[in-house]
N, C-alpha and C. Protein backbone atom coordinates (compact mmCIF):
# COMPACT_ATOMS: atom_id res chain seq x y z
N GLN A 1 -7.91 -29.86 15.20
CA GLN A 1 -8.98 -29.13 14.51
C GLN A 1 -8.88 -27.65 14.85
N VAL A 2 -9.05 -26.83 13.84
CA VAL A 2 -9.07 -25.39 14.05
C VAL A 2 -10.48 -24.90 13.99
N GLN A 3 -10.83 -24.09 14.99
CA GLN A 3 -12.14 -23.50 15.03
C GLN A 3 -12.08 -22.08 14.47
N LEU A 4 -13.08 -21.75 13.64
CA LEU A 4 -13.10 -20.48 12.91
C LEU A 4 -14.46 -19.83 13.09
N VAL A 5 -14.41 -18.53 13.37
CA VAL A 5 -15.66 -17.75 13.53
C VAL A 5 -15.54 -16.45 12.73
N GLU A 6 -16.42 -16.27 11.74
CA GLU A 6 -16.42 -15.07 10.93
C GLU A 6 -17.33 -14.00 11.53
N SER A 7 -17.02 -12.76 11.21
CA SER A 7 -17.88 -11.64 11.57
C SER A 7 -17.61 -10.49 10.63
N GLY A 8 -18.48 -9.46 10.67
CA GLY A 8 -18.24 -8.29 9.89
C GLY A 8 -19.11 -8.13 8.66
N GLY A 9 -19.90 -9.15 8.35
CA GLY A 9 -20.75 -9.02 7.19
C GLY A 9 -21.87 -8.01 7.40
N GLY A 10 -22.58 -7.72 6.30
CA GLY A 10 -23.67 -6.75 6.41
C GLY A 10 -24.12 -6.27 5.05
N LEU A 11 -24.91 -5.21 5.07
CA LEU A 11 -25.46 -4.58 3.85
C LEU A 11 -24.67 -3.32 3.56
N VAL A 12 -24.23 -3.20 2.29
CA VAL A 12 -23.46 -2.07 1.90
C VAL A 12 -23.88 -1.66 0.49
N GLN A 13 -23.74 -0.40 0.18
CA GLN A 13 -24.05 0.08 -1.16
C GLN A 13 -22.91 -0.21 -2.13
N ALA A 14 -23.25 -0.33 -3.37
CA ALA A 14 -22.26 -0.53 -4.40
C ALA A 14 -21.20 0.57 -4.33
N GLY A 15 -19.96 0.20 -4.43
CA GLY A 15 -18.85 1.14 -4.31
C GLY A 15 -18.32 1.28 -2.92
N GLY A 16 -19.01 0.72 -1.97
CA GLY A 16 -18.62 0.78 -0.59
C GLY A 16 -17.59 -0.24 -0.18
N SER A 17 -17.34 -0.30 1.14
CA SER A 17 -16.31 -1.19 1.68
C SER A 17 -16.84 -1.90 2.92
N LEU A 18 -16.28 -3.09 3.15
CA LEU A 18 -16.52 -3.88 4.38
C LEU A 18 -15.26 -4.58 4.75
N ARG A 19 -15.09 -4.85 6.02
CA ARG A 19 -13.97 -5.68 6.45
C ARG A 19 -14.50 -6.85 7.25
N LEU A 20 -14.21 -8.07 6.74
CA LEU A 20 -14.54 -9.27 7.43
C LEU A 20 -13.42 -9.73 8.36
N SER A 21 -13.81 -10.36 9.44
CA SER A 21 -12.82 -10.94 10.37
C SER A 21 -13.11 -12.41 10.54
N CYS A 22 -12.03 -13.13 10.83
CA CYS A 22 -12.13 -14.56 11.09
C CYS A 22 -11.24 -14.90 12.30
N ALA A 23 -11.84 -15.17 13.40
CA ALA A 23 -11.12 -15.48 14.63
C ALA A 23 -10.83 -17.00 14.66
N ALA A 24 -9.56 -17.34 14.85
CA ALA A 24 -9.13 -18.74 14.85
C ALA A 24 -8.72 -19.18 16.26
N SER A 25 -9.03 -20.42 16.54
CA SER A 25 -8.63 -21.01 17.80
C SER A 25 -8.46 -22.51 17.65
N GLY A 26 -7.95 -23.17 18.69
CA GLY A 26 -7.79 -24.60 18.64
C GLY A 26 -6.34 -24.98 18.49
N ARG A 27 -6.11 -26.02 17.77
CA ARG A 27 -4.73 -26.52 17.63
C ARG A 27 -3.86 -25.50 16.93
N SER A 28 -2.55 -25.67 16.99
CA SER A 28 -1.62 -24.77 16.42
C SER A 28 -1.83 -24.68 14.92
N PHE A 29 -1.94 -23.45 14.40
CA PHE A 29 -2.14 -23.25 12.97
C PHE A 29 -1.09 -22.31 12.41
N SER A 30 0.01 -22.21 13.13
CA SER A 30 1.03 -21.23 12.71
C SER A 30 1.61 -21.49 11.30
N ASN A 31 1.55 -22.71 10.81
CA ASN A 31 2.04 -22.98 9.46
C ASN A 31 0.93 -23.35 8.48
N TYR A 32 -0.29 -23.01 8.84
CA TYR A 32 -1.42 -23.31 7.99
C TYR A 32 -1.60 -22.24 6.91
N TYR A 33 -2.42 -22.65 5.89
CA TYR A 33 -2.96 -21.70 4.93
C TYR A 33 -4.36 -21.34 5.40
N MET A 34 -4.66 -20.06 5.36
CA MET A 34 -5.97 -19.57 5.80
C MET A 34 -6.62 -18.87 4.56
N GLY A 35 -7.83 -19.30 4.26
CA GLY A 35 -8.46 -18.78 3.05
C GLY A 35 -9.84 -18.18 3.28
N TRP A 36 -10.26 -17.44 2.27
CA TRP A 36 -11.66 -16.93 2.21
C TRP A 36 -12.30 -17.49 0.96
N PHE A 37 -13.54 -17.96 1.14
CA PHE A 37 -14.34 -18.43 0.05
C PHE A 37 -15.67 -17.71 0.09
N ARG A 38 -16.46 -17.81 -0.98
CA ARG A 38 -17.79 -17.21 -0.93
C ARG A 38 -18.75 -18.06 -1.79
N GLN A 39 -20.02 -17.95 -1.41
CA GLN A 39 -21.04 -18.72 -2.14
C GLN A 39 -22.25 -17.83 -2.35
N ALA A 40 -22.53 -17.49 -3.58
CA ALA A 40 -23.68 -16.73 -3.95
C ALA A 40 -24.89 -17.63 -4.13
N PRO A 41 -26.13 -17.15 -4.04
CA PRO A 41 -27.31 -17.95 -4.20
C PRO A 41 -27.32 -18.69 -5.53
N GLY A 42 -27.53 -19.98 -5.49
CA GLY A 42 -27.57 -20.78 -6.70
C GLY A 42 -26.26 -21.09 -7.37
N LYS A 43 -25.15 -20.69 -6.72
CA LYS A 43 -23.83 -20.93 -7.28
C LYS A 43 -22.98 -21.78 -6.35
N GLU A 44 -21.89 -22.32 -6.89
CA GLU A 44 -21.00 -23.12 -6.10
C GLU A 44 -20.09 -22.21 -5.27
N ARG A 45 -19.60 -22.76 -4.18
CA ARG A 45 -18.66 -22.03 -3.35
C ARG A 45 -17.38 -21.81 -4.13
N GLU A 46 -16.87 -20.60 -4.10
CA GLU A 46 -15.68 -20.28 -4.89
C GLU A 46 -14.56 -19.63 -4.04
N PHE A 47 -13.35 -19.82 -4.48
CA PHE A 47 -12.18 -19.29 -3.83
C PHE A 47 -12.13 -17.78 -3.97
N VAL A 48 -11.70 -17.07 -2.95
CA VAL A 48 -11.57 -15.62 -2.97
C VAL A 48 -10.09 -15.23 -2.73
N ALA A 49 -9.50 -15.70 -1.68
CA ALA A 49 -8.14 -15.29 -1.33
C ALA A 49 -7.61 -16.28 -0.29
N VAL A 50 -6.25 -16.32 -0.23
CA VAL A 50 -5.58 -17.17 0.76
C VAL A 50 -4.33 -16.53 1.25
N ILE A 51 -3.96 -16.80 2.47
CA ILE A 51 -2.72 -16.26 3.05
C ILE A 51 -2.03 -17.34 3.84
N THR A 52 -0.72 -17.33 3.75
CA THR A 52 0.08 -18.23 4.57
C THR A 52 0.24 -17.61 5.94
N TRP A 53 -0.21 -18.30 6.97
CA TRP A 53 -0.21 -17.67 8.30
C TRP A 53 1.18 -17.29 8.75
N SER A 54 2.20 -18.10 8.47
CA SER A 54 3.52 -17.81 8.96
C SER A 54 4.24 -16.70 8.23
N THR A 55 4.12 -16.64 6.90
CA THR A 55 4.87 -15.64 6.14
C THR A 55 4.06 -14.51 5.61
N GLY A 56 2.74 -14.64 5.56
CA GLY A 56 1.91 -13.58 5.00
C GLY A 56 1.77 -13.57 3.48
N ARG A 57 2.30 -14.63 2.84
CA ARG A 57 2.17 -14.76 1.40
C ARG A 57 0.72 -14.85 0.99
N THR A 58 0.33 -14.12 -0.08
CA THR A 58 -1.08 -14.07 -0.44
C THR A 58 -1.31 -14.47 -1.91
N ASN A 59 -2.57 -14.81 -2.17
CA ASN A 59 -2.98 -15.13 -3.55
C ASN A 59 -4.49 -14.79 -3.64
N TYR A 60 -4.92 -14.31 -4.79
CA TYR A 60 -6.29 -13.80 -4.95
C TYR A 60 -6.94 -14.36 -6.22
N ALA A 61 -8.24 -14.51 -6.15
CA ALA A 61 -9.02 -14.79 -7.37
C ALA A 61 -8.93 -13.56 -8.27
N ALA A 62 -9.00 -13.79 -9.56
CA ALA A 62 -8.91 -12.70 -10.51
C ALA A 62 -10.06 -11.67 -10.31
N SER A 63 -11.21 -12.16 -9.89
CA SER A 63 -12.40 -11.30 -9.76
C SER A 63 -12.27 -10.31 -8.61
N VAL A 64 -11.38 -10.52 -7.67
CA VAL A 64 -11.25 -9.63 -6.52
C VAL A 64 -9.90 -8.94 -6.41
N LYS A 65 -8.95 -9.39 -7.26
CA LYS A 65 -7.60 -8.84 -7.15
C LYS A 65 -7.63 -7.33 -7.41
N GLY A 66 -6.96 -6.59 -6.53
CA GLY A 66 -6.94 -5.13 -6.61
C GLY A 66 -8.01 -4.47 -5.86
N ARG A 67 -9.06 -5.22 -5.45
CA ARG A 67 -10.13 -4.65 -4.67
C ARG A 67 -10.18 -5.22 -3.23
N PHE A 68 -9.78 -6.48 -3.07
CA PHE A 68 -9.81 -7.15 -1.76
C PHE A 68 -8.38 -7.30 -1.27
N THR A 69 -8.25 -7.24 0.04
CA THR A 69 -6.92 -7.48 0.66
C THR A 69 -7.08 -8.44 1.82
N ILE A 70 -6.33 -9.51 1.82
CA ILE A 70 -6.32 -10.46 2.89
C ILE A 70 -5.14 -10.19 3.80
N SER A 71 -5.34 -10.29 5.09
CA SER A 71 -4.25 -10.05 6.05
C SER A 71 -4.52 -10.88 7.30
N ARG A 72 -3.54 -10.90 8.19
CA ARG A 72 -3.70 -11.61 9.46
C ARG A 72 -2.97 -10.88 10.55
N ASP A 73 -3.47 -11.07 11.77
CA ASP A 73 -2.82 -10.52 12.98
C ASP A 73 -2.45 -11.71 13.86
N ASN A 74 -1.17 -12.00 13.85
CA ASN A 74 -0.68 -13.20 14.59
C ASN A 74 -0.99 -13.10 16.09
N PHE A 75 -0.95 -11.92 16.66
CA PHE A 75 -1.18 -11.76 18.10
C PHE A 75 -2.65 -11.96 18.45
N LYS A 76 -3.50 -11.54 17.53
CA LYS A 76 -4.98 -11.70 17.84
C LYS A 76 -5.53 -12.95 17.25
N ASN A 77 -4.70 -13.77 16.55
CA ASN A 77 -5.16 -14.99 15.92
C ASN A 77 -6.38 -14.71 15.05
N THR A 78 -6.32 -13.66 14.29
CA THR A 78 -7.44 -13.22 13.46
C THR A 78 -6.99 -12.92 12.08
N MET A 79 -7.81 -13.35 11.11
CA MET A 79 -7.57 -13.06 9.70
C MET A 79 -8.62 -12.08 9.24
N TYR A 80 -8.26 -11.26 8.28
CA TYR A 80 -9.18 -10.22 7.78
C TYR A 80 -9.34 -10.28 6.27
N LEU A 81 -10.43 -9.77 5.76
CA LEU A 81 -10.62 -9.55 4.37
C LEU A 81 -11.19 -8.16 4.19
N GLN A 82 -10.33 -7.26 3.75
CA GLN A 82 -10.79 -5.87 3.47
C GLN A 82 -11.33 -5.85 2.03
N MET A 83 -12.58 -5.47 1.88
CA MET A 83 -13.24 -5.49 0.61
C MET A 83 -13.64 -4.07 0.23
N ASN A 84 -13.05 -3.60 -0.91
CA ASN A 84 -13.31 -2.22 -1.38
C ASN A 84 -13.98 -2.32 -2.76
N SER A 85 -14.57 -1.20 -3.15
CA SER A 85 -15.21 -1.11 -4.45
C SER A 85 -16.18 -2.29 -4.70
N LEU A 86 -16.99 -2.54 -3.70
CA LEU A 86 -17.91 -3.67 -3.83
C LEU A 86 -18.98 -3.45 -4.88
N ASN A 87 -19.36 -4.53 -5.52
CA ASN A 87 -20.45 -4.49 -6.50
C ASN A 87 -21.42 -5.64 -6.20
N ALA A 88 -22.52 -5.62 -6.95
CA ALA A 88 -23.61 -6.61 -6.68
C ALA A 88 -23.10 -8.04 -6.82
N GLU A 89 -22.13 -8.28 -7.69
CA GLU A 89 -21.62 -9.63 -7.89
C GLU A 89 -20.84 -10.13 -6.71
N ASP A 90 -20.52 -9.27 -5.75
CA ASP A 90 -19.82 -9.68 -4.55
C ASP A 90 -20.79 -10.19 -3.46
N THR A 91 -22.08 -10.07 -3.74
CA THR A 91 -23.06 -10.53 -2.75
C THR A 91 -22.96 -12.05 -2.61
N ALA A 92 -22.79 -12.50 -1.36
CA ALA A 92 -22.58 -13.91 -1.11
C ALA A 92 -22.44 -14.13 0.39
N VAL A 93 -22.46 -15.40 0.77
CA VAL A 93 -22.02 -15.76 2.10
C VAL A 93 -20.56 -16.02 2.05
N TYR A 94 -19.80 -15.40 2.93
CA TYR A 94 -18.36 -15.48 2.93
C TYR A 94 -17.89 -16.43 4.06
N TYR A 95 -17.04 -17.35 3.75
CA TYR A 95 -16.55 -18.35 4.70
C TYR A 95 -15.03 -18.25 4.82
N CYS A 96 -14.54 -18.40 6.03
CA CYS A 96 -13.09 -18.57 6.19
C CYS A 96 -12.80 -20.02 6.40
N ALA A 97 -11.60 -20.44 6.05
CA ALA A 97 -11.27 -21.85 6.11
C ALA A 97 -9.78 -21.95 6.37
N ALA A 98 -9.39 -23.12 6.90
CA ALA A 98 -8.01 -23.39 7.23
C ALA A 98 -7.54 -24.71 6.61
N ALA A 99 -6.36 -24.67 6.00
CA ALA A 99 -5.80 -25.84 5.33
C ALA A 99 -4.41 -26.16 5.94
N PRO A 100 -4.23 -27.39 6.38
CA PRO A 100 -2.87 -27.76 6.87
C PRO A 100 -1.87 -27.78 5.71
N PRO A 101 -0.64 -27.57 6.01
CA PRO A 101 0.36 -27.38 4.93
C PRO A 101 0.76 -28.66 4.22
N TYR A 102 0.55 -29.84 4.79
CA TYR A 102 0.97 -31.08 4.17
C TYR A 102 0.01 -31.52 3.08
N GLY A 103 0.58 -31.93 1.96
CA GLY A 103 -0.22 -32.42 0.86
C GLY A 103 -0.95 -31.32 0.08
N VAL A 104 -0.54 -30.08 0.29
CA VAL A 104 -1.21 -28.96 -0.36
C VAL A 104 -0.19 -28.20 -1.20
N THR A 105 -0.54 -27.90 -2.43
CA THR A 105 0.33 -27.13 -3.33
C THR A 105 -0.17 -25.67 -3.33
N TRP A 106 0.79 -24.76 -3.23
CA TRP A 106 0.48 -23.33 -3.26
C TRP A 106 0.09 -22.89 -4.67
N PRO A 107 -0.95 -22.10 -4.78
CA PRO A 107 -1.89 -21.65 -3.75
C PRO A 107 -3.04 -22.65 -3.61
N PRO A 108 -3.44 -22.95 -2.37
CA PRO A 108 -4.58 -23.86 -2.21
C PRO A 108 -5.89 -23.13 -2.55
N ARG A 109 -6.53 -23.51 -3.63
CA ARG A 109 -7.77 -22.81 -4.09
C ARG A 109 -8.96 -23.77 -4.10
N ARG A 110 -8.73 -25.04 -3.80
CA ARG A 110 -9.82 -25.99 -3.93
C ARG A 110 -10.41 -26.30 -2.55
N LEU A 111 -11.72 -26.48 -2.54
CA LEU A 111 -12.44 -26.67 -1.27
C LEU A 111 -11.92 -27.85 -0.51
N HIS A 112 -11.64 -28.93 -1.15
CA HIS A 112 -11.25 -30.17 -0.44
C HIS A 112 -9.87 -30.06 0.23
N GLU A 113 -9.15 -29.01 -0.06
CA GLU A 113 -7.83 -28.83 0.56
C GLU A 113 -7.96 -28.23 1.97
N TYR A 114 -9.17 -27.78 2.29
CA TYR A 114 -9.41 -27.10 3.58
C TYR A 114 -10.20 -28.03 4.51
N GLY A 115 -9.68 -28.21 5.69
CA GLY A 115 -10.28 -29.08 6.61
C GLY A 115 -11.17 -28.48 7.68
N SER A 116 -11.04 -27.21 7.86
CA SER A 116 -11.84 -26.48 8.87
C SER A 116 -12.51 -25.26 8.22
N TRP A 117 -13.77 -25.10 8.59
CA TRP A 117 -14.58 -24.02 8.02
C TRP A 117 -15.33 -23.27 9.10
N GLY A 118 -15.53 -21.99 8.87
CA GLY A 118 -16.39 -21.19 9.71
C GLY A 118 -17.84 -21.36 9.31
N GLN A 119 -18.75 -20.68 10.05
CA GLN A 119 -20.17 -20.79 9.75
C GLN A 119 -20.65 -19.88 8.61
N GLY A 120 -19.81 -18.90 8.27
CA GLY A 120 -20.17 -17.96 7.19
C GLY A 120 -20.77 -16.66 7.68
N THR A 121 -20.59 -15.60 6.89
CA THR A 121 -21.19 -14.33 7.24
C THR A 121 -21.71 -13.75 5.91
N GLN A 122 -22.94 -13.18 5.94
CA GLN A 122 -23.60 -12.69 4.77
C GLN A 122 -23.08 -11.29 4.40
N VAL A 123 -22.74 -11.13 3.13
CA VAL A 123 -22.42 -9.83 2.58
C VAL A 123 -23.40 -9.52 1.45
N THR A 124 -24.13 -8.44 1.57
CA THR A 124 -25.09 -8.02 0.55
C THR A 124 -24.76 -6.63 0.06
N VAL A 125 -24.57 -6.53 -1.27
CA VAL A 125 -24.23 -5.27 -1.87
C VAL A 125 -25.42 -4.82 -2.68
N SER A 126 -25.96 -3.61 -2.34
CA SER A 126 -27.10 -3.12 -3.02
C SER A 126 -26.66 -2.20 -4.15
N SER A 127 -27.32 -2.32 -5.32
CA SER A 127 -26.91 -1.50 -6.46
C SER A 127 -27.74 -0.26 -6.60
């Protein structure tokens, strides 16, 4: 099991930026897929971005492509989500998640493909 802890959420004005962090620990996850999801009030949890821990390969939801950047620091065992040009539609609880590589087709965008989840961090964008 991989343990995940998010941080970095907060309140930001529209057009601003935030960087989320996800600290990972536990079993070896060097070949895992690590993703970000978000859930707005009254909506289902949705895919945001994913990165392959070993190679750094990335994939993004259309709604955030060009504005958000997912990255990881192998030495710090930490994944990041740099969010720029934020708007009110980005307001949500953001979760990081880890998916083992077996039985998963790239890019893993579905919730059930991820076996470990963080507790979430709130991002609120004021317009």
